[in-house]
Amino acid sequence: MKKNVIRREINHSDYRDFLFNNRKIHHQMKTIRSERHQISSFQLNKVSLCPFDDKRYILNDGITSYAYGHKKIIN
């Protein structure tokens, strides 16, 4: 996500909503890209907040997490 979308459109209630209600939140952003030396503008709809984190091990409380391989993770 672009920084201006994060600063202007995402607020504290969005964080609480995705954390406690397990809801994905999408936001639109505009960008300029070059494809084959042709400049175009695009409007993208991207996931801005998602409760599923595939790079961390989330404990049963749903908030605390450890990196995979951490010594406190019981196999």
PDB file of N, CA and C in Angstrom:
ATOM      1  N   MET A   1       0.842  -1.185   0.000  1.00  0.00           N
ATOM      2  CA  MET A   1       0.000   0.000   0.000  1.00  0.00           C
ATOM      3  C   MET A   1       0.881   1.239   0.000  1.00  0.00           C
ATOM      4  N   LYS A   2       0.382   2.265  -0.637  1.00  0.00           N
ATOM      5  CA  LYS A   2       1.097   3.536  -0.642  1.00  0.00           C
ATOM      6  C   LYS A   2       0.929   4.229   0.704  1.00  0.00           C
ATOM      7  N   LYS A   3       1.933   5.002   1.052  1.00  0.00           N
ATOM      8  CA  LYS A   3       1.928   5.664   2.361  1.00  0.00           C
ATOM      9  C   LYS A   3       0.773   6.632   2.521  1.00  0.00           C
ATOM     10  N   ASN A   4       0.414   7.346   1.453  1.00  0.00           N
ATOM     11  CA  ASN A   4      -0.676   8.317   1.601  1.00  0.00           C
ATOM     12  C   ASN A   4      -2.016   7.625   1.861  1.00  0.00           C
ATOM     13  N   VAL A   5      -2.228   6.426   1.329  1.00  0.00           N
ATOM     14  CA  VAL A   5      -3.455   5.672   1.610  1.00  0.00           C
ATOM     15  C   VAL A   5      -3.471   5.258   3.074  1.00  0.00           C
ATOM     16  N   ILE A   6      -2.331   4.804   3.566  1.00  0.00           N
ATOM     17  CA  ILE A   6      -2.236   4.390   4.969  1.00  0.00           C
ATOM     18  C   ILE A   6      -2.501   5.572   5.894  1.00  0.00           C
ATOM     19  N   ARG A   7      -1.904   6.710   5.607  1.00  0.00           N
ATOM     20  CA  ARG A   7      -2.062   7.887   6.468  1.00  0.00           C
ATOM     21  C   ARG A   7      -3.468   8.460   6.431  1.00  0.00           C
ATOM     22  N   ARG A   8      -4.089   8.517   5.251  1.00  0.00           N
ATOM     23  CA  ARG A   8      -5.360   9.222   5.105  1.00  0.00           C
ATOM     24  C   ARG A   8      -6.589   8.356   5.317  1.00  0.00           C
ATOM     25  N   GLU A   9      -6.522   7.076   4.982  1.00  0.00           N
ATOM     26  CA  GLU A   9      -7.743   6.279   4.949  1.00  0.00           C
ATOM     27  C   GLU A   9      -7.841   5.208   6.031  1.00  0.00           C
ATOM     28  N   ILE A  10      -6.717   4.752   6.577  1.00  0.00           N
ATOM     29  CA  ILE A  10      -6.772   3.706   7.596  1.00  0.00           C
ATOM     30  C   ILE A  10      -6.699   4.351   8.973  1.00  0.00           C
ATOM     31  N   ASN A  11      -7.662   4.007   9.831  1.00  0.00           N
ATOM     32  CA  ASN A  11      -7.669   4.589  11.172  1.00  0.00           C
ATOM     33  C   ASN A  11      -7.697   3.470  12.219  1.00  0.00           C
ATOM     34  N   HIS A  12      -7.747   3.845  13.465  1.00  0.00           N
ATOM     35  CA  HIS A  12      -7.673   2.890  14.570  1.00  0.00           C
ATOM     36  C   HIS A  12      -8.837   1.908  14.558  1.00  0.00           C
ATOM     37  N   SER A  13     -10.015   2.366  14.207  1.00  0.00           N
ATOM     38  CA  SER A  13     -11.175   1.463  14.187  1.00  0.00           C
ATOM     39  C   SER A  13     -11.020   0.385  13.116  1.00  0.00           C
ATOM     40  N   ASP A  14     -10.341   0.684  12.007  1.00  0.00           N
ATOM     41  CA  ASP A  14     -10.063  -0.338  10.990  1.00  0.00           C
ATOM     42  C   ASP A  14      -9.161  -1.430  11.553  1.00  0.00           C
ATOM     43  N   TYR A  15      -8.136  -1.042  12.305  1.00  0.00           N
ATOM     44  CA  TYR A  15      -7.244  -2.017  12.925  1.00  0.00           C
ATOM     45  C   TYR A  15      -7.997  -2.907  13.915  1.00  0.00           C
ATOM     46  N   ARG A  16      -8.855  -2.313  14.720  1.00  0.00           N
ATOM     47  CA  ARG A  16      -9.630  -3.093  15.684  1.00  0.00           C
ATOM     48  C   ARG A  16     -10.589  -4.043  14.965  1.00  0.00           C
ATOM     49  N   ASP A  17     -11.196  -3.572  13.886  1.00  0.00           N
ATOM     50  CA  ASP A  17     -12.160  -4.372  13.146  1.00  0.00           C
ATOM     51  C   ASP A  17     -11.503  -5.600  12.518  1.00  0.00           C
ATOM     52  N   PHE A  18     -10.357  -5.425  11.890  1.00  0.00           N
ATOM     53  CA  PHE A  18      -9.714  -6.569  11.250  1.00  0.00           C
ATOM     54  C   PHE A  18      -9.105  -7.514  12.277  1.00  0.00           C
ATOM     55  N   LEU A  19      -8.689  -7.004  13.426  1.00  0.00           N
ATOM     56  CA  LEU A  19      -8.064  -7.841  14.440  1.00  0.00           C
ATOM     57  C   LEU A  19      -9.073  -8.686  15.199  1.00  0.00           C
ATOM     58  N   PHE A  20     -10.164  -8.092  15.625  1.00  0.00           N
ATOM     59  CA  PHE A  20     -11.127  -8.796  16.466  1.00  0.00           C
ATOM     60  C   PHE A  20     -12.251  -9.471  15.683  1.00  0.00           C
ATOM     61  N   ASN A  21     -12.550  -9.015  14.465  1.00  0.00           N
ATOM     62  CA  ASN A  21     -13.632  -9.596  13.666  1.00  0.00           C
ATOM     63  C   ASN A  21     -13.120 -10.429  12.501  1.00  0.00           C
ATOM     64  N   ASN A  22     -11.799 -10.585  12.376  1.00  0.00           N
ATOM     65  CA  ASN A  22     -11.176 -11.364  11.302  1.00  0.00           C
ATOM     66  C   ASN A  22     -11.695 -10.960   9.922  1.00  0.00           C
ATOM     67  N   ARG A  23     -11.655  -9.671   9.640  1.00  0.00           N
ATOM     68  CA  ARG A  23     -12.178  -9.139   8.387  1.00  0.00           C
ATOM     69  C   ARG A  23     -11.048  -8.557   7.551  1.00  0.00           C
ATOM     70  N   LYS A  24     -11.016  -8.872   6.251  1.00  0.00           N
ATOM     71  CA  LYS A  24     -10.061  -8.258   5.334  1.00  0.00           C
ATOM     72  C   LYS A  24     -10.577  -6.885   4.940  1.00  0.00           C
ATOM     73  N   ILE A  25      -9.677  -5.918   4.855  1.00  0.00           N
ATOM     74  CA  ILE A  25     -10.061  -4.574   4.465  1.00  0.00           C
ATOM     75  C   ILE A  25      -9.309  -4.211   3.185  1.00  0.00           C
ATOM     76  N   HIS A  26     -10.053  -3.737   2.188  1.00  0.00           N
ATOM     77  CA  HIS A  26      -9.484  -3.352   0.899  1.00  0.00           C
ATOM     78  C   HIS A  26      -9.528  -1.834   0.755  1.00  0.00           C
ATOM     79  N   HIS A  27      -8.535  -1.282   0.075  1.00  0.00           N
ATOM     80  CA  HIS A  27      -8.525   0.141  -0.255  1.00  0.00           C
ATOM     81  C   HIS A  27      -8.095   0.314  -1.705  1.00  0.00           C
ATOM     82  N   GLN A  28      -8.579   1.377  -2.313  1.00  0.00           N
ATOM     83  CA  GLN A  28      -8.186   1.690  -3.682  1.00  0.00           C
ATOM     84  C   GLN A  28      -7.051   2.693  -3.669  1.00  0.00           C
ATOM     85  N   MET A  29      -6.147   2.538  -4.633  1.00  0.00           N
ATOM     86  CA  MET A  29      -5.067   3.504  -4.783  1.00  0.00           C
ATOM     87  C   MET A  29      -4.784   3.684  -6.262  1.00  0.00           C
ATOM     88  N   LYS A  30      -4.275   4.839  -6.600  1.00  0.00           N
ATOM     89  CA  LYS A  30      -3.942   5.153  -7.982  1.00  0.00           C
ATOM     90  C   LYS A  30      -2.430   5.164  -8.136  1.00  0.00           C
ATOM     91  N   THR A  31      -1.970   4.664  -9.275  1.00  0.00           N
ATOM     92  CA  THR A  31      -0.539   4.603  -9.523  1.00  0.00           C
ATOM     93  C   THR A  31      -0.263   4.822 -11.009  1.00  0.00           C
ATOM     94  N   ILE A  32       0.957   5.216 -11.309  1.00  0.00           N
ATOM     95  CA  ILE A  32       1.409   5.395 -12.687  1.00  0.00           C
ATOM     96  C   ILE A  32       2.467   4.349 -12.955  1.00  0.00           C
ATOM     97  N   ARG A  33       2.287   3.606 -14.049  1.00  0.00           N
ATOM     98  CA  ARG A  33       3.232   2.549 -14.408  1.00  0.00           C
ATOM     99  C   ARG A  33       3.598   2.655 -15.884  1.00  0.00           C
ATOM    100  N   SER A  34       4.746   2.084 -16.192  1.00  0.00           N
ATOM    101  CA  SER A  34       5.207   2.033 -17.565  1.00  0.00           C
ATOM    102  C   SER A  34       5.234   0.579 -18.027  1.00  0.00           C
ATOM    103  N   GLU A  35       4.534   0.306 -19.119  1.00  0.00           N
ATOM    104  CA  GLU A  35       4.555  -1.023 -19.722  1.00  0.00           C
ATOM    105  C   GLU A  35       4.966  -0.875 -21.175  1.00  0.00           C
ATOM    106  N   ARG A  36       6.094  -1.487 -21.525  1.00  0.00           N
ATOM    107  CA  ARG A  36       6.642  -1.410 -22.884  1.00  0.00           C
ATOM    108  C   ARG A  36       6.804   0.036 -23.332  1.00  0.00           C
ATOM    109  N   HIS A  37       7.325   0.852 -22.449  1.00  0.00           N
ATOM    110  CA  HIS A  37       7.625   2.263 -22.685  1.00  0.00           C
ATOM    111  C   HIS A  37       6.371   3.110 -22.920  1.00  0.00           C
ATOM    112  N   GLN A  38       5.223   2.631 -22.477  1.00  0.00           N
ATOM    113  CA  GLN A  38       3.978   3.384 -22.535  1.00  0.00           C
ATOM    114  C   GLN A  38       3.534   3.667 -21.109  1.00  0.00           C
ATOM    115  N   ILE A  39       3.422   4.931 -20.775  1.00  0.00           N
ATOM    116  CA  ILE A  39       3.032   5.323 -19.427  1.00  0.00           C
ATOM    117  C   ILE A  39       1.516   5.313 -19.317  1.00  0.00           C
ATOM    118  N   SER A  40       1.024   4.671 -18.257  1.00  0.00           N
ATOM    119  CA  SER A  40      -0.416   4.570 -18.028  1.00  0.00           C
ATOM    120  C   SER A  40      -0.703   4.777 -16.550  1.00  0.00           C
ATOM    121  N   SER A  41      -1.912   5.192 -16.264  1.00  0.00           N
ATOM    122  CA  SER A  41      -2.328   5.300 -14.869  1.00  0.00           C
ATOM    123  C   SER A  41      -3.327   4.186 -14.583  1.00  0.00           C
ATOM    124  N   PHE A  42      -3.230   3.620 -13.386  1.00  0.00           N
ATOM    125  CA  PHE A  42      -4.068   2.506 -12.983  1.00  0.00           C
ATOM    126  C   PHE A  42      -4.711   2.802 -11.642  1.00  0.00           C
ATOM    127  N   GLN A  43      -5.899   2.258 -11.458  1.00  0.00           N
ATOM    128  CA  GLN A  43      -6.548   2.299 -10.159  1.00  0.00           C
ATOM    129  C   GLN A  43      -6.588   0.863  -9.656  1.00  0.00           C
ATOM    130  N   LEU A  44      -5.923   0.602  -8.527  1.00  0.00           N
ATOM    131  CA  LEU A  44      -5.788  -0.732  -7.978  1.00  0.00           C
ATOM    132  C   LEU A  44      -6.619  -0.880  -6.721  1.00  0.00           C
ATOM    133  N   ASN A  45      -7.192  -2.046  -6.543  1.00  0.00           N
ATOM    134  CA  ASN A  45      -7.920  -2.378  -5.316  1.00  0.00           C
ATOM    135  C   ASN A  45      -7.098  -3.443  -4.612  1.00  0.00           C
ATOM    136  N   LYS A  46      -6.454  -3.089  -3.506  1.00  0.00           N
ATOM    137  CA  LYS A  46      -5.552  -3.994  -2.816  1.00  0.00           C
ATOM    138  C   LYS A  46      -6.019  -4.261  -1.388  1.00  0.00           C
ATOM    139  N   VAL A  47      -5.576  -5.394  -0.850  1.00  0.00           N
ATOM    140  CA  VAL A  47      -5.849  -5.717   0.547  1.00  0.00           C
ATOM    141  C   VAL A  47      -4.922  -4.864   1.407  1.00  0.00           C
ATOM    142  N   SER A  48      -5.492  -4.041   2.257  1.00  0.00           N
ATOM    143  CA  SER A  48      -4.674  -3.174   3.103  1.00  0.00           C
ATOM    144  C   SER A  48      -4.453  -3.771   4.484  1.00  0.00           C
ATOM    145  N   LEU A  49      -5.443  -4.458   5.030  1.00  0.00           N
ATOM    146  CA  LEU A  49      -5.318  -5.113   6.325  1.00  0.00           C
ATOM    147  C   LEU A  49      -5.908  -6.514   6.228  1.00  0.00           C
ATOM    148  N   CYS A  50      -5.152  -7.475   6.734  1.00  0.00           N
ATOM    149  CA  CYS A  50      -5.594  -8.867   6.677  1.00  0.00           C
ATOM    150  C   CYS A  50      -5.206  -9.545   7.992  1.00  0.00           C
ATOM    151  N   PRO A  51      -6.143 -10.248   8.637  1.00  0.00           N
ATOM    152  CA  PRO A  51      -5.824 -10.876   9.925  1.00  0.00           C
ATOM    153  C   PRO A  51      -4.917 -12.098   9.803  1.00  0.00           C
ATOM    154  N   PHE A  52      -4.761 -12.655   8.607  1.00  0.00           N
ATOM    155  CA  PHE A  52      -3.934 -13.839   8.431  1.00  0.00           C
ATOM    156  C   PHE A  52      -2.501 -13.415   8.126  1.00  0.00           C
ATOM    157  N   ASP A  53      -1.572 -13.819   8.974  1.00  0.00           N
ATOM    158  CA  ASP A  53      -0.157 -13.510   8.784  1.00  0.00           C
ATOM    159  C   ASP A  53       0.591 -14.819   8.610  1.00  0.00           C
ATOM    160  N   ASP A  54       1.036 -15.100   7.392  1.00  0.00           N
ATOM    161  CA  ASP A  54       1.677 -16.384   7.117  1.00  0.00           C
ATOM    162  C   ASP A  54       3.156 -16.407   7.482  1.00  0.00           C
ATOM    163  N   LYS A  55       3.698 -15.307   7.992  1.00  0.00           N
ATOM    164  CA  LYS A  55       5.109 -15.275   8.364  1.00  0.00           C
ATOM    165  C   LYS A  55       5.315 -15.345   9.874  1.00  0.00           C
ATOM    166  N   ARG A  56       4.239 -15.397  10.631  1.00  0.00           N
ATOM    167  CA  ARG A  56       4.325 -15.431  12.081  1.00  0.00           C
ATOM    168  C   ARG A  56       3.454 -16.556  12.620  1.00  0.00           C
ATOM    169  N   TYR A  57       3.816 -17.088  13.777  1.00  0.00           N
ATOM    170  CA  TYR A  57       3.026 -18.092  14.477  1.00  0.00           C
ATOM    171  C   TYR A  57       2.158 -17.355  15.480  1.00  0.00           C
ATOM    172  N   ILE A  58       0.848 -17.398  15.304  1.00  0.00           N
ATOM    173  CA  ILE A  58      -0.074 -16.661  16.156  1.00  0.00           C
ATOM    174  C   ILE A  58      -0.552 -17.582  17.271  1.00  0.00           C
ATOM    175  N   LEU A  59      -0.450 -17.108  18.507  1.00  0.00           N
ATOM    176  CA  LEU A  59      -0.866 -17.900  19.663  1.00  0.00           C
ATOM    177  C   LEU A  59      -2.387 -17.915  19.791  1.00  0.00           C
ATOM    178  N   ASN A  60      -2.897 -18.697  20.736  1.00  0.00           N
ATOM    179  CA  ASN A  60      -4.341 -18.889  20.889  1.00  0.00           C
ATOM    180  C   ASN A  60      -5.102 -17.625  21.256  1.00  0.00           C
ATOM    181  N   ASP A  61      -4.433 -16.619  21.852  1.00  0.00           N
ATOM    182  CA  ASP A  61      -5.141 -15.388  22.203  1.00  0.00           C
ATOM    183  C   ASP A  61      -5.454 -14.531  20.982  1.00  0.00           C
ATOM    184  N   GLY A  62      -4.852 -14.856  19.828  1.00  0.00           N
ATOM    185  CA  GLY A  62      -5.133 -14.147  18.586  1.00  0.00           C
ATOM    186  C   GLY A  62      -4.368 -12.862  18.409  1.00  0.00           C
ATOM    187  N   ILE A  63      -3.572 -12.462  19.383  1.00  0.00           N
ATOM    188  CA  ILE A  63      -2.833 -11.201  19.303  1.00  0.00           C
ATOM    189  C   ILE A  63      -1.334 -11.446  19.342  1.00  0.00           C
ATOM    190  N   THR A  64      -0.882 -12.238  20.302  1.00  0.00           N
ATOM    191  CA  THR A  64       0.545 -12.503  20.474  1.00  0.00           C
ATOM    192  C   THR A  64       1.044 -13.397  19.354  1.00  0.00           C
ATOM    193  N   SER A  65       2.234 -13.066  18.817  1.00  0.00           N
ATOM    194  CA  SER A  65       2.805 -13.886  17.750  1.00  0.00           C
ATOM    195  C   SER A  65       4.315 -13.969  17.901  1.00  0.00           C
ATOM    196  N   TYR A  66       4.868 -15.050  17.367  1.00  0.00           N
ATOM    197  CA  TYR A  66       6.309 -15.265  17.330  1.00  0.00           C
ATOM    198  C   TYR A  66       6.713 -15.592  15.902  1.00  0.00           C
ATOM    199  N   ALA A  67       7.949 -15.287  15.565  1.00  0.00           N
ATOM    200  CA  ALA A  67       8.479 -15.680  14.262  1.00  0.00           C
ATOM    201  C   ALA A  67       8.632 -17.196  14.255  1.00  0.00           C
ATOM    202  N   TYR A  68       8.425 -17.800  13.082  1.00  0.00           N
ATOM    203  CA  TYR A  68       8.599 -19.249  12.985  1.00  0.00           C
ATOM    204  C   TYR A  68      10.022 -19.607  13.358  1.00  0.00           C
ATOM    205  N   GLY A  69      10.179 -20.675  14.179  1.00  0.00           N
ATOM    206  CA  GLY A  69      11.477 -21.097  14.653  1.00  0.00           C
ATOM    207  C   GLY A  69      11.844 -20.535  16.015  1.00  0.00           C
ATOM    208  N   HIS A  70      10.975 -19.722  16.601  1.00  0.00           N
ATOM    209  CA  HIS A  70      11.235 -19.141  17.918  1.00  0.00           C
ATOM    210  C   HIS A  70      11.272 -20.245  18.971  1.00  0.00           C
ATOM    211  N   LYS A  71      12.094 -20.086  19.988  1.00  0.00           N
ATOM    212  CA  LYS A  71      12.261 -21.129  20.992  1.00  0.00           C
ATOM    213  C   LYS A  71      11.024 -21.359  21.856  1.00  0.00           C
ATOM    214  N   LYS A  72      10.113 -20.400  21.963  1.00  0.00           N
ATOM    215  CA  LYS A  72       8.911 -20.557  22.777  1.00  0.00           C
ATOM    216  C   LYS A  72       7.782 -21.292  22.062  1.00  0.00           C
ATOM    217  N   ILE A  73       7.936 -21.558  20.772  1.00  0.00           N
ATOM    218  CA  ILE A  73       6.911 -22.291  20.034  1.00  0.00           C
ATOM    219  C   ILE A  73       7.073 -23.774  20.344  1.00  0.00           C
ATOM    220  N   ILE A  74       5.999 -24.371  20.846  1.00  0.00           N
ATOM    221  CA  ILE A  74       6.003 -25.778  21.196  1.00  0.00           C
ATOM    222  C   ILE A  74       5.540 -26.574  19.983  1.00  0.00           C
ATOM    223  N   ASN A  75       6.352 -27.509  19.533  1.00  0.00           N
ATOM    224  CA  ASN A  75       5.983 -28.318  18.354  1.00  0.00           C
ATOM    225  C   ASN A  75       5.083 -29.443  18.703  1.00  0.00           C
TER     226      ASN A  75
END
